[in-house]
Amino acid sequence: MSITTVIFDFGGVITASPFEAFNRLEAERGLPHDFVRRVNAANPDDNAWAKFERAEIDAATFDTMFADEARALGHELEGSAVLAVIAGAVRPDMVTALDTLKAKGFRIGCITNNVPGGKMGIKGAGMTRSEQAAQEVARIMARFEHVIESSKAGVRKPDPAIYLMMCETLGVEPGECVYLDDLGINCKPAAALGMHAIKVTSGEQALADLSAVLGIALP
């Protein structure tokens, strides 16, 4: 089955990885490296992060619930501090690649785990903190044929349902799709459904791997 569609994660793919910002926050607070990841990996389907990305709790509840989970692992860290640094810088070459793919006739979509906007200074799908950054993200999002946000859909990756939602909306089979994500746990269900999954470690690597799969030159 030939590839017709490329589906992107947003944070860590179109933008730099939020884990870089988390590591800087940990260093500033004197916390262990990757401590935020440890908190989010504990009880991953029902912890504060999972509930917030499904819009089951509000920002204030996330703030205190995340702090409780961090405290249970031996350190103090409020959820609001994590949200304050979550938005990564846009990777311009990835945005150029979106335009190239569209020009060559590929369909493009985006599946992003995010949190509801409007609270604690969070603006828009990219979870930015400034109006200018939110507008930049909105211009990027407008390039996609369809965008699924976990906070609006009520389901989040790695639930296979969210990938199937995208395929159903676009009217494509999983085998027609390439899926890019910076988290292996999110790539696995995509691959299990029949998508060609690419785990993103950098913008350069992602574009090289995608170019190889599609047989076209990307910047």
C-alpha atoms as a PDB file:
ATOM      1  CA  MET A   1       0.000   0.000   0.000  1.00  0.00           C
ATOM      2  CA  SER A   2       1.491   3.344  -1.035  1.00  0.00           C
ATOM      3  CA  ILE A   3       1.943   6.197   1.435  1.00  0.00           C
ATOM      4  CA  THR A   4      -0.569   9.011   0.961  1.00  0.00           C
ATOM      5  CA  THR A   5      -0.642  10.625   4.399  1.00  0.00           C
ATOM      6  CA  VAL A   6       1.851  11.896   6.975  1.00  0.00           C
ATOM      7  CA  ILE A   7       0.643  12.406  10.548  1.00  0.00           C
ATOM      8  CA  PHE A   8       2.707  14.484  12.948  1.00  0.00           C
ATOM      9  CA  ASP A   9       2.894  14.874  16.684  1.00  0.00           C
ATOM     10  CA  PHE A  10       3.404  18.556  17.538  1.00  0.00           C
ATOM     11  CA  GLY A  11       5.532  19.013  20.675  1.00  0.00           C
ATOM     12  CA  GLY A  12       8.937  17.398  20.188  1.00  0.00           C
ATOM     13  CA  VAL A  13       8.406  17.068  16.421  1.00  0.00           C
ATOM     14  CA  ILE A  14       7.281  20.382  14.936  1.00  0.00           C
ATOM     15  CA  THR A  15       8.759  22.067  18.008  1.00  0.00           C
ATOM     16  CA  ALA A  16      11.790  21.226  20.114  1.00  0.00           C
ATOM     17  CA  SER A  17      11.235  18.617  22.795  1.00  0.00           C
ATOM     18  CA  PRO A  18       9.597  19.861  26.001  1.00  0.00           C
ATOM     19  CA  PHE A  19      11.836  17.441  27.890  1.00  0.00           C
ATOM     20  CA  GLU A  20      14.737  19.807  27.283  1.00  0.00           C
ATOM     21  CA  ALA A  21      12.811  22.522  29.114  1.00  0.00           C
ATOM     22  CA  PHE A  22      11.859  20.095  31.871  1.00  0.00           C
ATOM     23  CA  ASN A  23      15.533  19.243  32.371  1.00  0.00           C
ATOM     24  CA  ARG A  24      16.406  22.926  32.686  1.00  0.00           C
ATOM     25  CA  LEU A  25      13.632  23.354  35.263  1.00  0.00           C
ATOM     26  CA  GLU A  26      14.931  20.342  37.199  1.00  0.00           C
ATOM     27  CA  ALA A  27      18.444  21.780  37.236  1.00  0.00           C
ATOM     28  CA  GLU A  28      17.149  25.146  38.446  1.00  0.00           C
ATOM     29  CA  ARG A  29      15.178  23.496  41.251  1.00  0.00           C
ATOM     30  CA  GLY A  30      17.920  21.035  42.242  1.00  0.00           C
ATOM     31  CA  LEU A  31      15.765  18.069  41.230  1.00  0.00           C
ATOM     32  CA  PRO A  32      17.000  14.778  39.759  1.00  0.00           C
ATOM     33  CA  HIS A  33      17.455  14.721  35.981  1.00  0.00           C
ATOM     34  CA  ASP A  34      14.252  13.528  34.235  1.00  0.00           C
ATOM     35  CA  PHE A  35      12.239  13.853  37.446  1.00  0.00           C
ATOM     36  CA  VAL A  36       9.232  15.253  35.544  1.00  0.00           C
ATOM     37  CA  ARG A  37       9.330  12.186  33.307  1.00  0.00           C
ATOM     38  CA  ARG A  38       9.338   9.973  36.395  1.00  0.00           C
ATOM     39  CA  VAL A  39       6.250  11.703  37.757  1.00  0.00           C
ATOM     40  CA  ASN A  40       4.448  11.402  34.430  1.00  0.00           C
ATOM     41  CA  ALA A  41       5.442   7.757  34.019  1.00  0.00           C
ATOM     42  CA  ALA A  42       3.888   6.761  37.345  1.00  0.00           C
ATOM     43  CA  ASN A  43       0.274   5.609  36.883  1.00  0.00           C
ATOM     44  CA  PRO A  44       0.445   6.903  33.272  1.00  0.00           C
ATOM     45  CA  ASP A  45      -3.231   6.437  32.392  1.00  0.00           C
ATOM     46  CA  ASP A  46      -4.723   8.132  35.446  1.00  0.00           C
ATOM     47  CA  ASN A  47      -2.154  10.558  36.814  1.00  0.00           C
ATOM     48  CA  ALA A  48      -2.505  14.334  36.778  1.00  0.00           C
ATOM     49  CA  TRP A  49      -0.954  14.679  33.350  1.00  0.00           C
ATOM     50  CA  ALA A  50      -3.210  12.071  31.752  1.00  0.00           C
ATOM     51  CA  LYS A  51      -6.340  13.536  33.305  1.00  0.00           C
ATOM     52  CA  PHE A  52      -5.406  17.077  32.258  1.00  0.00           C
ATOM     53  CA  GLU A  53      -4.658  16.055  28.674  1.00  0.00           C
ATOM     54  CA  ARG A  54      -8.113  14.472  28.504  1.00  0.00           C
ATOM     55  CA  ALA A  55      -9.622  17.648  30.040  1.00  0.00           C
ATOM     56  CA  GLU A  56     -10.951  15.671  32.994  1.00  0.00           C
ATOM     57  CA  ILE A  57      -9.486  18.137  35.513  1.00  0.00           C
ATOM     58  CA  ASP A  58      -8.876  21.892  35.438  1.00  0.00           C
ATOM     59  CA  ALA A  59      -5.549  23.698  35.712  1.00  0.00           C
ATOM     60  CA  ALA A  60      -5.835  24.358  39.438  1.00  0.00           C
ATOM     61  CA  THR A  61      -6.509  20.685  40.141  1.00  0.00           C
ATOM     62  CA  PHE A  62      -3.581  19.697  37.920  1.00  0.00           C
ATOM     63  CA  ASP A  63      -1.337  22.067  39.856  1.00  0.00           C
ATOM     64  CA  THR A  64      -2.065  20.464  43.212  1.00  0.00           C
ATOM     65  CA  MET A  65      -2.439  16.892  41.940  1.00  0.00           C
ATOM     66  CA  PHE A  66       0.946  17.007  40.167  1.00  0.00           C
ATOM     67  CA  ALA A  67       2.524  18.475  43.307  1.00  0.00           C
ATOM     68  CA  ASP A  68       1.112  15.589  45.349  1.00  0.00           C
ATOM     69  CA  GLU A  69       2.509  13.066  42.869  1.00  0.00           C
ATOM     70  CA  ALA A  70       5.928  14.755  42.927  1.00  0.00           C
ATOM     71  CA  ARG A  71       5.896  14.795  46.717  1.00  0.00           C
ATOM     72  CA  ALA A  72       5.102  11.067  46.763  1.00  0.00           C
ATOM     73  CA  LEU A  73       8.342  10.568  44.818  1.00  0.00           C
ATOM     74  CA  GLY A  74      10.288  12.607  47.356  1.00  0.00           C
ATOM     75  CA  HIS A  75      10.479  16.104  45.882  1.00  0.00           C
ATOM     76  CA  GLU A  76       8.535  19.359  45.763  1.00  0.00           C
ATOM     77  CA  LEU A  77       7.398  20.598  42.336  1.00  0.00           C
ATOM     78  CA  GLU A  78       4.122  22.296  41.522  1.00  0.00           C
ATOM     79  CA  GLY A  79       2.275  21.562  38.306  1.00  0.00           C
ATOM     80  CA  SER A  80       2.120  25.228  37.343  1.00  0.00           C
ATOM     81  CA  ALA A  81       5.928  25.350  37.087  1.00  0.00           C
ATOM     82  CA  VAL A  82       5.887  22.483  34.591  1.00  0.00           C
ATOM     83  CA  LEU A  83       3.199  24.125  32.475  1.00  0.00           C
ATOM     84  CA  ALA A  84       5.164  27.369  32.443  1.00  0.00           C
ATOM     85  CA  VAL A  85       8.015  25.819  30.444  1.00  0.00           C
ATOM     86  CA  ILE A  86       6.255  23.240  28.309  1.00  0.00           C
ATOM     87  CA  ALA A  87       6.105  24.989  24.935  1.00  0.00           C
ATOM     88  CA  GLY A  88       9.184  24.332  22.782  1.00  0.00           C
ATOM     89  CA  ALA A  89      10.636  26.503  20.016  1.00  0.00           C
ATOM     90  CA  VAL A  90       9.335  25.905  16.497  1.00  0.00           C
ATOM     91  CA  ARG A  91      11.671  24.010  14.149  1.00  0.00           C
ATOM     92  CA  PRO A  92      11.547  26.042  10.886  1.00  0.00           C
ATOM     93  CA  ASP A  93      12.723  23.127   8.704  1.00  0.00           C
ATOM     94  CA  MET A  94       9.798  21.033   9.914  1.00  0.00           C
ATOM     95  CA  VAL A  95       7.370  23.782   8.908  1.00  0.00           C
ATOM     96  CA  THR A  96       9.025  23.990   5.485  1.00  0.00           C
ATOM     97  CA  ALA A  97       8.641  20.224   5.201  1.00  0.00           C
ATOM     98  CA  LEU A  98       4.899  20.543   5.801  1.00  0.00           C
ATOM     99  CA  ASP A  99       4.644  22.918   2.838  1.00  0.00           C
ATOM    100  CA  THR A 100       6.779  20.619   0.686  1.00  0.00           C
ATOM    101  CA  LEU A 101       4.630  17.601   1.504  1.00  0.00           C
ATOM    102  CA  LYS A 102       1.442  19.477   0.631  1.00  0.00           C
ATOM    103  CA  ALA A 103       2.958  20.709  -2.631  1.00  0.00           C
ATOM    104  CA  LYS A 104       3.827  17.131  -3.567  1.00  0.00           C
ATOM    105  CA  GLY A 105       0.277  15.949  -2.945  1.00  0.00           C
ATOM    106  CA  PHE A 106       0.631  14.282   0.438  1.00  0.00           C
ATOM    107  CA  ARG A 107      -2.112  14.732   3.004  1.00  0.00           C
ATOM    108  CA  ILE A 108      -0.951  15.872   6.426  1.00  0.00           C
ATOM    109  CA  GLY A 109      -2.542  15.668   9.854  1.00  0.00           C
ATOM    110  CA  CYS A 110      -1.572  16.305  13.461  1.00  0.00           C
ATOM    111  CA  ILE A 111      -2.342  14.347  16.628  1.00  0.00           C
ATOM    112  CA  THR A 112      -1.231  16.164  19.770  1.00  0.00           C
ATOM    113  CA  ASN A 113      -1.577  15.431  23.453  1.00  0.00           C
ATOM    114  CA  ASN A 114      -2.143  18.832  25.006  1.00  0.00           C
ATOM    115  CA  VAL A 115      -3.972  20.528  27.855  1.00  0.00           C
ATOM    116  CA  PRO A 116      -6.915  22.936  27.804  1.00  0.00           C
ATOM    117  CA  GLY A 117      -6.017  26.527  26.957  1.00  0.00           C
ATOM    118  CA  GLY A 118      -7.134  29.612  28.801  1.00  0.00           C
ATOM    119  CA  LYS A 119      -5.751  28.720  32.248  1.00  0.00           C
ATOM    120  CA  MET A 120      -2.415  29.571  33.862  1.00  0.00           C
ATOM    121  CA  GLY A 121      -1.441  31.602  30.816  1.00  0.00           C
ATOM    122  CA  ILE A 122      -1.700  28.660  28.393  1.00  0.00           C
ATOM    123  CA  LYS A 123      -2.663  29.781  24.897  1.00  0.00           C
ATOM    124  CA  GLY A 124      -3.820  27.544  22.069  1.00  0.00           C
ATOM    125  CA  ALA A 125      -2.970  24.069  20.827  1.00  0.00           C
ATOM    126  CA  GLY A 126       0.786  24.515  21.242  1.00  0.00           C
ATOM    127  CA  MET A 127       0.451  25.341  24.966  1.00  0.00           C
ATOM    128  CA  THR A 128       2.374  28.585  24.472  1.00  0.00           C
ATOM    129  CA  ARG A 129       2.604  31.441  26.979  1.00  0.00           C
ATOM    130  CA  SER A 130       2.491  34.465  24.667  1.00  0.00           C
ATOM    131  CA  GLU A 131      -0.028  35.705  22.122  1.00  0.00           C
ATOM    132  CA  GLN A 132       2.676  35.994  19.466  1.00  0.00           C
ATOM    133  CA  ALA A 133       3.752  32.373  19.943  1.00  0.00           C
ATOM    134  CA  ALA A 134       0.124  31.232  19.940  1.00  0.00           C
ATOM    135  CA  GLN A 135      -0.431  32.979  16.616  1.00  0.00           C
ATOM    136  CA  GLU A 136       2.671  31.290  15.175  1.00  0.00           C
ATOM    137  CA  VAL A 137       1.360  27.889  16.258  1.00  0.00           C
ATOM    138  CA  ALA A 138      -2.069  28.679  14.815  1.00  0.00           C
ATOM    139  CA  ARG A 139      -0.501  29.447  11.428  1.00  0.00           C
ATOM    140  CA  ILE A 140       1.290  26.100  11.525  1.00  0.00           C
ATOM    141  CA  MET A 141      -1.823  24.218  12.597  1.00  0.00           C
ATOM    142  CA  ALA A 142      -3.720  25.750   9.665  1.00  0.00           C
ATOM    143  CA  ARG A 143      -1.465  23.802   7.309  1.00  0.00           C
ATOM    144  CA  PHE A 144      -2.844  20.461   8.492  1.00  0.00           C
ATOM    145  CA  GLU A 145      -5.885  18.950   6.863  1.00  0.00           C
ATOM    146  CA  HIS A 146      -7.061  17.799  10.286  1.00  0.00           C
ATOM    147  CA  VAL A 147      -5.823  18.270  13.868  1.00  0.00           C
ATOM    148  CA  ILE A 148      -6.816  16.134  16.854  1.00  0.00           C
ATOM    149  CA  GLU A 149      -6.112  17.620  20.288  1.00  0.00           C
ATOM    150  CA  SER A 150      -6.413  15.259  23.252  1.00  0.00           C
ATOM    151  CA  SER A 151      -7.883  18.020  25.416  1.00  0.00           C
ATOM    152  CA  LYS A 152     -10.766  18.410  22.964  1.00  0.00           C
ATOM    153  CA  ALA A 153     -11.177  14.786  21.867  1.00  0.00           C
ATOM    154  CA  GLY A 154     -11.194  13.373  25.418  1.00  0.00           C
ATOM    155  CA  VAL A 155      -8.726  10.655  24.414  1.00  0.00           C
ATOM    156  CA  ARG A 156      -4.935  10.776  24.347  1.00  0.00           C
ATOM    157  CA  LYS A 157      -2.008   8.901  22.884  1.00  0.00           C
ATOM    158  CA  PRO A 158      -1.079   6.073  23.198  1.00  0.00           C
ATOM    159  CA  ASP A 159      -4.755   5.000  23.067  1.00  0.00           C
ATOM    160  CA  PRO A 160      -5.143   3.424  19.581  1.00  0.00           C
ATOM    161  CA  ALA A 161      -8.543   5.106  19.277  1.00  0.00           C
ATOM    162  CA  ILE A 162      -6.988   8.514  18.636  1.00  0.00           C
ATOM    163  CA  TYR A 163      -5.006   7.245  15.634  1.00  0.00           C
ATOM    164  CA  LEU A 164      -8.092   5.547  14.225  1.00  0.00           C
ATOM    165  CA  MET A 165     -10.042   8.787  14.682  1.00  0.00           C
ATOM    166  CA  MET A 166      -7.556  10.503  12.377  1.00  0.00           C
ATOM    167  CA  CYS A 167      -7.736   7.744   9.767  1.00  0.00           C
ATOM    168  CA  GLU A 168     -11.526   7.752   9.827  1.00  0.00           C
ATOM    169  CA  THR A 169     -11.720  11.529   9.458  1.00  0.00           C
ATOM    170  CA  LEU A 170      -9.269  11.563   6.540  1.00  0.00           C
ATOM    171  CA  GLY A 171     -10.760   8.429   4.993  1.00  0.00           C
ATOM    172  CA  VAL A 172      -7.439   6.581   4.841  1.00  0.00           C
ATOM    173  CA  GLU A 173      -6.149   3.209   6.006  1.00  0.00           C
ATOM    174  CA  PRO A 174      -3.386   3.047   8.631  1.00  0.00           C
ATOM    175  CA  GLY A 175      -1.132   1.368   6.076  1.00  0.00           C
ATOM    176  CA  GLU A 176      -1.235   4.543   3.967  1.00  0.00           C
ATOM    177  CA  CYS A 177       0.186   6.636   6.805  1.00  0.00           C
ATOM    178  CA  VAL A 178       3.545   7.630   8.229  1.00  0.00           C
ATOM    179  CA  TYR A 179       3.402   8.710  11.872  1.00  0.00           C
ATOM    180  CA  LEU A 180       6.077  10.811  13.633  1.00  0.00           C
ATOM    181  CA  ASP A 181       6.361  11.205  17.410  1.00  0.00           C
ATOM    182  CA  ASP A 182       9.185  11.879  19.858  1.00  0.00           C
ATOM    183  CA  LEU A 183       7.913   9.229  22.287  1.00  0.00           C
ATOM    184  CA  GLY A 184       8.356   5.548  21.560  1.00  0.00           C
ATOM    185  CA  ILE A 185       5.284   4.715  23.644  1.00  0.00           C
ATOM    186  CA  ASN A 186       3.203   6.732  21.165  1.00  0.00           C
ATOM    187  CA  CYS A 187       4.872   5.214  18.100  1.00  0.00           C
ATOM    188  CA  LYS A 188       4.135   1.624  19.160  1.00  0.00           C
ATOM    189  CA  PRO A 189       0.324   1.686  18.760  1.00  0.00           C
ATOM    190  CA  ALA A 190       0.669   3.517  15.438  1.00  0.00           C
ATOM    191  CA  ALA A 191       2.992   0.780  14.187  1.00  0.00           C
ATOM    192  CA  ALA A 192       0.700  -1.931  15.556  1.00  0.00           C
ATOM    193  CA  LEU A 193      -2.157  -0.465  13.512  1.00  0.00           C
ATOM    194  CA  GLY A 194      -0.026  -0.675  10.361  1.00  0.00           C
ATOM    195  CA  MET A 195       1.396   2.841  10.143  1.00  0.00           C
ATOM    196  CA  HIS A 196       5.067   3.410   9.365  1.00  0.00           C
ATOM    197  CA  ALA A 197       6.184   4.936  12.673  1.00  0.00           C
ATOM    198  CA  ILE A 198       9.213   7.215  12.999  1.00  0.00           C
ATOM    199  CA  LYS A 199      10.566   8.013  16.466  1.00  0.00           C
ATOM    200  CA  VAL A 200      11.887  11.561  16.398  1.00  0.00           C
ATOM    201  CA  THR A 201      15.105  12.392  18.228  1.00  0.00           C
ATOM    202  CA  SER A 202      15.913  15.585  16.293  1.00  0.00           C
ATOM    203  CA  GLY A 203      14.513  17.604  13.447  1.00  0.00           C
ATOM    204  CA  GLU A 204      17.349  16.550  11.138  1.00  0.00           C
ATOM    205  CA  GLN A 205      16.872  12.850  11.888  1.00  0.00           C
ATOM    206  CA  ALA A 206      13.104  13.082  11.445  1.00  0.00           C
ATOM    207  CA  LEU A 207      13.393  14.709   8.023  1.00  0.00           C
ATOM    208  CA  ALA A 208      16.067  12.251   6.882  1.00  0.00           C
ATOM    209  CA  ASP A 209      13.975   9.255   7.917  1.00  0.00           C
ATOM    210  CA  LEU A 210      10.799  10.697   6.417  1.00  0.00           C
ATOM    211  CA  SER A 211      12.603  11.479   3.156  1.00  0.00           C
ATOM    212  CA  ALA A 212      13.821   7.889   2.974  1.00  0.00           C
ATOM    213  CA  VAL A 213      10.350   6.449   3.575  1.00  0.00           C
ATOM    214  CA  LEU A 214       8.628   8.704   1.029  1.00  0.00           C
ATOM    215  CA  GLY A 215      11.424   8.720  -1.531  1.00  0.00           C
ATOM    216  CA  ILE A 216      11.493  12.505  -1.787  1.00  0.00           C
ATOM    217  CA  ALA A 217      13.941  15.215  -0.748  1.00  0.00           C
ATOM    218  CA  LEU A 218      12.924  17.223   2.318  1.00  0.00           C
ATOM    219  CA  PRO A 219      14.941  20.176   3.699  1.00  0.00           C
END
